[in-house]
């Protein structure tokens, strides 16, 4: 078996916000040389701009690194209780890399107006309709929420199919073509799974960040849980969505939401040429 050396040094602490929107993994760049340090920040905000979050190890449910045929779940073992907001590691081979994070559940409680506004903004029509049909529109919104986020980066020239690997994330956003084999503007299909099943007829947002601003477009997933959009190899990209389900017989909350995102980008210090395997 090919020998792989991984140096992992992790500083990562989270507190998820009382009323959060997008949450994503943001490396300092997306294209790296072999052995170069990768620093990934955990960010939350709106319009693909946000802040770093602080918290503790107990906020992490799962944190995994995927590359080649390796799945490394030891990242969280290097996380301390000291304040910090980033994850650092280096890979000493050329490969496509995916980092996935799933948070523990967190609880929020909103008054009826704010909860309704939040549901409308994020296209959560199932919850809006349920509240209307059950005369809950004027009731407080009580919700558990968790994060299911990933980023895909490229180390060196050797591109692998790790980008399309199904992960343990409850809400899993999967590109169906290699993000780092894009040549000019072309169609990109992305599949969204919720507990291993396609998330159908659901609002999915695609964000594109360039130096002069951010654009976003909303799509509705088809019967296969897929959307299609045009991507070009410039700037940073994020695909995000949120799914909310009704809870029964829970003494604290009526709803459980799952927030997902997948990021990749084309910033780096060198040009990566194709050498697929």
Foldseek 3Di string as FASTA:
>chain_A
DDDWDKFWAFEAFADDDQQWDAWAKAWPAFEAAAFDKIKIFIATDPQPDGDFGHHALLFFPFKWKDWDPDIDGCNSVNYHGDTDTIIIMGIRDWTKMKIKTKTDKDKHKAFLVVVLVSCVVQVVVVVVVVCVVVVNSRPIAIEIEMEIEMEMGGYAAEYEDPQQDDDPGQWDKGKPDDPLVADAKDKTKIFIHHNNAADFQFKKKKWFDDPVGIDIDIDGAHPRNMDMDIDGQAGKMKIWHKHKDADPPDPGHGIYMYIYMYMHHRDDDDDHDHDYD
